[in-house]
N, C-alpha and C. Protein backbone atom coordinates (compact mmCIF):
# COMPACT_ATOMS: atom_id res chain seq x y z
N UNK A 1 19.91 -3.27 79.59
CA UNK A 1 19.13 -1.96 79.12
C UNK A 1 18.43 -2.02 79.38
N UNK A 2 17.77 -3.65 78.50
CA UNK A 2 16.48 -3.88 78.08
C UNK A 2 15.30 -3.65 78.87
N UNK A 3 16.14 -4.05 80.53
CA UNK A 3 15.14 -4.00 81.62
C UNK A 3 14.78 -3.01 82.18
N UNK A 4 15.67 -2.18 81.76
CA UNK A 4 14.96 -0.45 82.48
C UNK A 4 13.76 0.90 81.67
N UNK A 5 14.18 0.23 80.54
CA UNK A 5 13.11 0.74 79.39
C UNK A 5 12.10 -0.39 79.82
N UNK A 6 12.15 -1.83 80.48
CA UNK A 6 10.54 -2.88 80.26
C UNK A 6 9.63 -1.96 81.39
N UNK A 7 10.28 -1.23 82.77
CA UNK A 7 10.72 -0.59 83.84
C UNK A 7 9.88 0.67 83.26
N UNK A 8 10.38 1.64 83.22
CA UNK A 8 10.19 2.76 82.72
C UNK A 8 8.68 2.89 81.38
N UNK A 9 8.37 2.16 80.82
CA UNK A 9 7.07 1.83 79.94
C UNK A 9 6.76 1.56 80.63
N UNK A 10 6.14 0.71 81.93
CA UNK A 10 6.19 -0.04 82.91
C UNK A 10 4.65 1.54 83.61
N UNK A 11 6.29 2.46 83.87
CA UNK A 11 5.34 3.58 84.43
C UNK A 11 4.55 4.29 83.25
N UNK A 12 4.71 5.01 82.72
CA UNK A 12 4.63 5.42 81.79
C UNK A 12 3.43 4.79 81.69
N UNK A 13 2.21 3.36 81.36
CA UNK A 13 1.55 3.28 81.29
C UNK A 13 0.75 3.29 82.41
N UNK A 14 0.73 3.30 83.70
CA UNK A 14 0.73 3.01 84.66
C UNK A 14 0.20 4.89 85.20
N UNK A 15 0.46 5.90 84.17
CA UNK A 15 0.09 7.30 84.29
C UNK A 15 -0.93 7.33 83.59
N UNK A 16 -0.60 6.85 82.59
CA UNK A 16 -1.94 6.80 81.39
C UNK A 16 -3.67 6.39 81.66
N UNK A 17 -4.10 6.27 82.84
CA UNK A 17 -4.63 5.75 83.17
C UNK A 17 -5.51 7.13 83.62
N UNK A 18 -7.22 6.39 83.17
CA UNK A 18 -8.02 7.86 83.37
C UNK A 18 -8.19 8.10 84.94
N UNK A 19 -8.44 9.39 84.99
CA UNK A 19 -8.68 9.22 87.02
C UNK A 19 -10.17 9.10 87.05
N UNK A 20 -10.09 8.45 86.10
CA UNK A 20 -12.20 7.65 87.20
C UNK A 20 -11.99 6.89 87.41
N UNK A 21 -10.28 5.36 87.07
CA UNK A 21 -10.39 4.79 87.53
C UNK A 21 -10.07 4.60 88.66
N UNK A 22 -9.22 5.53 89.19
CA UNK A 22 -8.81 6.12 90.84
C UNK A 22 -9.81 5.43 91.73
N UNK A 23 -9.32 4.55 92.67
CA UNK A 23 -9.52 3.67 93.61
C UNK A 23 -11.02 4.87 94.59
N UNK A 24 -10.40 6.24 94.99
CA UNK A 24 -11.67 6.66 95.64
C UNK A 24 -13.04 7.83 94.89
N UNK A 25 -12.44 7.43 93.69
CA UNK A 25 -14.00 7.93 92.56
C UNK A 25 -14.80 6.91 93.09
N UNK A 26 -13.84 5.90 93.26
CA UNK A 26 -15.52 4.48 93.14
C UNK A 26 -15.79 4.00 94.33
N UNK A 27 -15.07 4.73 95.04
CA UNK A 27 -15.81 4.92 97.08
C UNK A 27 -16.61 5.94 97.19
N UNK A 28 -16.82 6.69 96.32
CA UNK A 28 -18.04 7.83 96.10
C UNK A 28 -19.08 7.59 95.50
N UNK A 29 -19.02 6.25 94.69
CA UNK A 29 -20.23 6.06 93.68
C UNK A 29 -21.38 6.14 94.70
N UNK A 30 -21.63 5.31 95.25
CA UNK A 30 -22.79 4.66 96.57
C UNK A 30 -23.33 5.40 97.19
N UNK A 31 -22.33 7.13 97.74
CA UNK A 31 -22.49 8.04 98.15
C UNK A 31 -23.37 9.13 97.17
N UNK A 32 -22.70 8.69 96.33
CA UNK A 32 -23.12 9.75 95.61
C UNK A 32 -24.85 8.79 94.53
N UNK A 33 -25.00 8.02 94.65
CA UNK A 33 -26.63 7.17 94.31
C UNK A 33 -26.89 7.41 95.79
N UNK A 34 -26.64 7.97 96.89
CA UNK A 34 -27.17 6.98 97.83
C UNK A 34 -28.33 8.74 97.65
N UNK A 35 -27.32 9.26 97.09
CA UNK A 35 -28.00 11.44 97.05
C UNK A 35 -28.91 11.48 96.16
N UNK A 36 -28.72 10.96 95.28
CA UNK A 36 -29.55 11.06 94.16
C UNK A 36 -30.83 10.57 94.58
N UNK A 37 -31.12 8.54 95.41
CA UNK A 37 -32.33 8.52 95.47
C UNK A 37 -32.51 9.22 96.46
N UNK A 38 -32.00 10.28 97.27
CA UNK A 38 -32.64 10.74 98.28
C UNK A 38 -33.28 12.08 97.63
N UNK A 39 -32.97 12.97 96.71
CA UNK A 39 -33.32 13.34 96.47
C UNK A 39 -34.72 13.65 95.23
N UNK A 40 -34.78 12.21 94.51
CA UNK A 40 -35.66 11.75 93.73
C UNK A 40 -37.52 11.91 94.82
N UNK A 41 -36.55 11.17 95.87
CA UNK A 41 -37.46 10.81 96.92
C UNK A 41 -38.37 12.39 97.64
N UNK A 42 -36.86 13.15 97.28
CA UNK A 42 -37.67 14.12 97.94
C UNK A 42 -38.74 15.03 96.99
N UNK A 43 -37.99 15.40 95.78
CA UNK A 43 -38.93 15.00 94.88
C UNK A 43 -40.33 14.64 94.68
N UNK A 44 -40.28 13.52 95.04
CA UNK A 44 -42.34 12.82 95.41
C UNK A 44 -42.59 13.31 96.05
N UNK A 45 -42.29 13.68 96.79
CA UNK A 45 -43.03 14.21 98.02
C UNK A 45 -43.30 15.83 98.28
N UNK A 46 -42.44 16.55 97.39
CA UNK A 46 -43.01 17.74 96.43
C UNK A 46 -43.67 17.96 95.65
N UNK A 47 -43.89 16.59 94.51
CA UNK A 47 -44.94 16.90 94.24
C UNK A 47 -46.20 16.48 95.43
N UNK A 48 -46.28 15.41 95.60
CA UNK A 48 -47.44 14.99 96.14
C UNK A 48 -48.06 16.29 96.99
N UNK A 49 -47.11 17.09 97.59
CA UNK A 49 -47.38 17.92 98.36
C UNK A 49 -48.42 19.38 97.07
N UNK A 50 -47.77 19.56 96.69
CA UNK A 50 -48.13 20.46 95.55
C UNK A 50 -49.62 20.00 95.42
N UNK A 51 -49.70 18.70 94.84
CA UNK A 51 -51.36 17.90 94.07
C UNK A 51 -52.38 18.63 95.54
N UNK A 52 -51.21 18.33 96.77
CA UNK A 52 -52.90 18.34 97.67
C UNK A 52 -53.40 19.47 98.06
N UNK A 53 -51.97 20.66 97.65
CA UNK A 53 -52.01 21.48 97.60
C UNK A 53 -53.00 22.87 96.51
N UNK A 54 -52.76 22.53 95.25
CA UNK A 54 -53.69 22.01 94.68
C UNK A 54 -54.96 22.08 94.79
N UNK A 55 -54.94 20.92 94.63
CA UNK A 55 -56.42 20.85 95.50
C UNK A 55 -57.01 21.53 96.51
N UNK A 56 -56.39 21.71 97.48
CA UNK A 56 -57.00 23.09 98.07
C UNK A 56 -57.63 24.45 97.99
N UNK A 57 -56.40 24.64 96.96
CA UNK A 57 -56.91 25.85 96.44
C UNK A 57 -57.73 25.88 95.30
N UNK A 58 -58.31 24.60 94.83
CA UNK A 58 -59.28 24.38 93.97
C UNK A 58 -59.81 24.54 94.55
N UNK A 59 -60.57 24.04 95.74
CA UNK A 59 -61.75 23.54 96.73
C UNK A 59 -61.54 25.49 96.92
N UNK A 60 -61.28 25.75 97.56
CA UNK A 60 -61.74 27.43 98.01
C UNK A 60 -62.04 28.56 96.92
N UNK A 61 -61.12 27.64 96.07
CA UNK A 61 -61.21 29.06 94.40
C UNK A 61 -62.75 29.16 94.54
N UNK A 62 -63.16 27.20 94.33
CA UNK A 62 -64.92 26.81 94.24
C UNK A 62 -66.33 27.33 95.35
N UNK A 63 -65.19 27.70 96.28
CA UNK A 63 -66.17 28.09 97.71
C UNK A 63 -66.77 29.43 97.39
N UNK A 64 -65.81 29.91 97.22
CA UNK A 64 -65.36 31.47 97.41
C UNK A 64 -65.96 31.92 96.15
N UNK A 65 -66.30 31.14 94.94
CA UNK A 65 -66.70 31.36 93.86
C UNK A 65 -68.33 31.80 93.99
N UNK A 66 -68.48 30.29 95.04
CA UNK A 66 -70.01 29.83 95.25
C UNK A 66 -70.57 31.51 95.83
N UNK A 67 -69.48 31.88 96.91
CA UNK A 67 -69.49 32.61 98.06
C UNK A 67 -70.59 34.44 97.30
N UNK A 68 -69.36 34.16 96.86
CA UNK A 68 -69.56 35.45 95.22
C UNK A 68 -70.67 35.67 94.56
N UNK A 69 -71.46 34.98 94.28
CA UNK A 69 -72.79 33.85 92.93
C UNK A 69 -73.55 34.28 93.80
N UNK A 70 -73.88 33.90 95.42
CA UNK A 70 -74.84 33.96 96.45
C UNK A 70 -74.96 35.24 97.02
N UNK A 71 -73.76 36.34 96.96
CA UNK A 71 -73.88 37.34 97.66
C UNK A 71 -74.73 38.40 96.42
N UNK A 72 -73.58 38.20 95.30
CA UNK A 72 -74.08 39.28 93.85
C UNK A 72 -76.18 38.63 94.11
N UNK A 73 -76.49 37.67 93.92
CA UNK A 73 -78.22 36.52 94.07
C UNK A 73 -78.54 37.60 95.09
N UNK A 74 -78.46 37.49 95.90
CA UNK A 74 -78.39 38.22 97.39
C UNK A 74 -78.95 40.20 97.24
N UNK A 75 -77.66 40.49 96.83
CA UNK A 75 -77.97 42.05 96.49
C UNK A 75 -78.71 42.29 95.79
N UNK A 76 -78.79 41.45 93.93
CA UNK A 76 -79.87 41.35 93.36
C UNK A 76 -81.75 42.00 93.83
N UNK A 77 -82.12 40.66 94.94
CA UNK A 77 -83.04 40.90 96.13
C UNK A 77 -83.40 42.33 96.70
N UNK A 78 -82.14 42.68 97.42
CA UNK A 78 -82.65 43.26 97.91
C UNK A 78 -82.87 44.81 97.40
N UNK A 79 -81.98 45.21 96.03
CA UNK A 79 -82.29 46.18 95.30
C UNK A 79 -83.75 46.08 94.28
N UNK A 80 -83.99 45.11 94.41
CA UNK A 80 -85.56 44.22 93.82
C UNK A 80 -86.78 45.35 94.79
N UNK A 81 -86.53 43.97 95.89
CA UNK A 81 -87.17 44.90 97.14
C UNK A 81 -87.26 46.04 97.74
N UNK A 82 -85.86 46.75 97.71
CA UNK A 82 -85.77 48.29 97.48
C UNK A 82 -86.70 49.07 96.69
N UNK A 83 -86.77 49.08 95.75
CA UNK A 83 -87.43 48.96 94.74
C UNK A 83 -88.83 49.55 95.25
N UNK A 84 -89.56 48.09 95.63
CA UNK A 84 -90.69 47.62 95.78
C UNK A 84 -91.10 49.00 96.32
N UNK A 85 -90.19 48.75 97.59
CA UNK A 85 -90.98 49.75 99.32
C UNK A 85 -90.54 50.95 98.40
N UNK A 86 -89.23 51.65 97.99
CA UNK A 86 -89.30 53.15 97.54
C UNK A 86 -90.77 53.37 96.91
N UNK A 87 -91.59 52.47 95.42
CA UNK A 87 -92.49 52.92 94.94
C UNK A 87 -94.07 52.96 96.22
N UNK A 88 -93.34 52.15 96.44
CA UNK A 88 -95.03 52.07 97.51
C UNK A 88 -94.86 53.42 98.26
N UNK A 89 -93.71 53.61 99.27
CA UNK A 89 -93.69 54.31 99.42
C UNK A 89 -93.92 56.13 99.16
N UNK A 90 -93.60 56.21 97.74
CA UNK A 90 -94.02 57.30 96.85
C UNK A 90 -95.13 57.37 96.84
N UNK A 91 -95.90 56.09 96.42
CA UNK A 91 -96.95 56.44 95.87
C UNK A 91 -98.07 56.50 97.10
N UNK A 92 -97.47 55.73 98.01
CA UNK A 92 -98.71 56.87 99.51
C UNK A 92 -98.06 58.16 99.34
N UNK A 93 -97.38 58.33 100.15
CA UNK A 93 -96.72 60.00 99.35
C UNK A 93 -97.25 60.89 98.99
N UNK A 94 -97.22 60.64 97.19
CA UNK A 94 -98.37 61.19 97.17
C UNK A 94 -99.81 61.21 96.91
N UNK A 95 -99.79 60.51 98.17
CA UNK A 95 -101.87 59.98 98.21
C UNK A 95 -102.03 60.97 98.98
N UNK A 96 -100.81 60.87 100.10
CA UNK A 96 -101.56 62.15 101.60
C UNK A 96 -101.58 63.46 100.91
N UNK A 97 -100.41 63.96 100.07
CA UNK A 97 -100.43 65.37 99.63
C UNK A 97 -101.24 65.23 98.51
N UNK A 98 -102.02 64.66 98.11
CA UNK A 98 -103.28 64.91 96.76
C UNK A 98 -104.62 65.02 97.80
N UNK A 99 -104.53 64.50 99.08
CA UNK A 99 -105.93 65.01 99.59
C UNK A 99 -106.37 66.15 100.01
C-alpha cells in the first residue's frame, strides 16, 4: 500500500507545478521577444519621423512668419506712399480751384 501512496503523492506534486513552466509557454517566449523587439524598432522609426516632421513644420513656420513680416512692412510702405500721393493730389487740386 505504501507504493500506491507514493504514486498518488507524485501525481499531486505534478499538478502543483505552475502553468508558466509548461513547455508551450517556453516555446512562445522567443516569439514574444521578437514582437517586442520589432515594436521597439517601430517606435524608434516613428520617433525619427516625428523629429523630421517637427523640423519641417518649424522651418515652414519660420518662413511663413518671415513672409507675413515682409507683407506687413510692404503694406506700411504702400500706405505711407499713398498718404504722400493723396496729400500732393489734394494740394494740387486746391491750387487749381484757388486760381
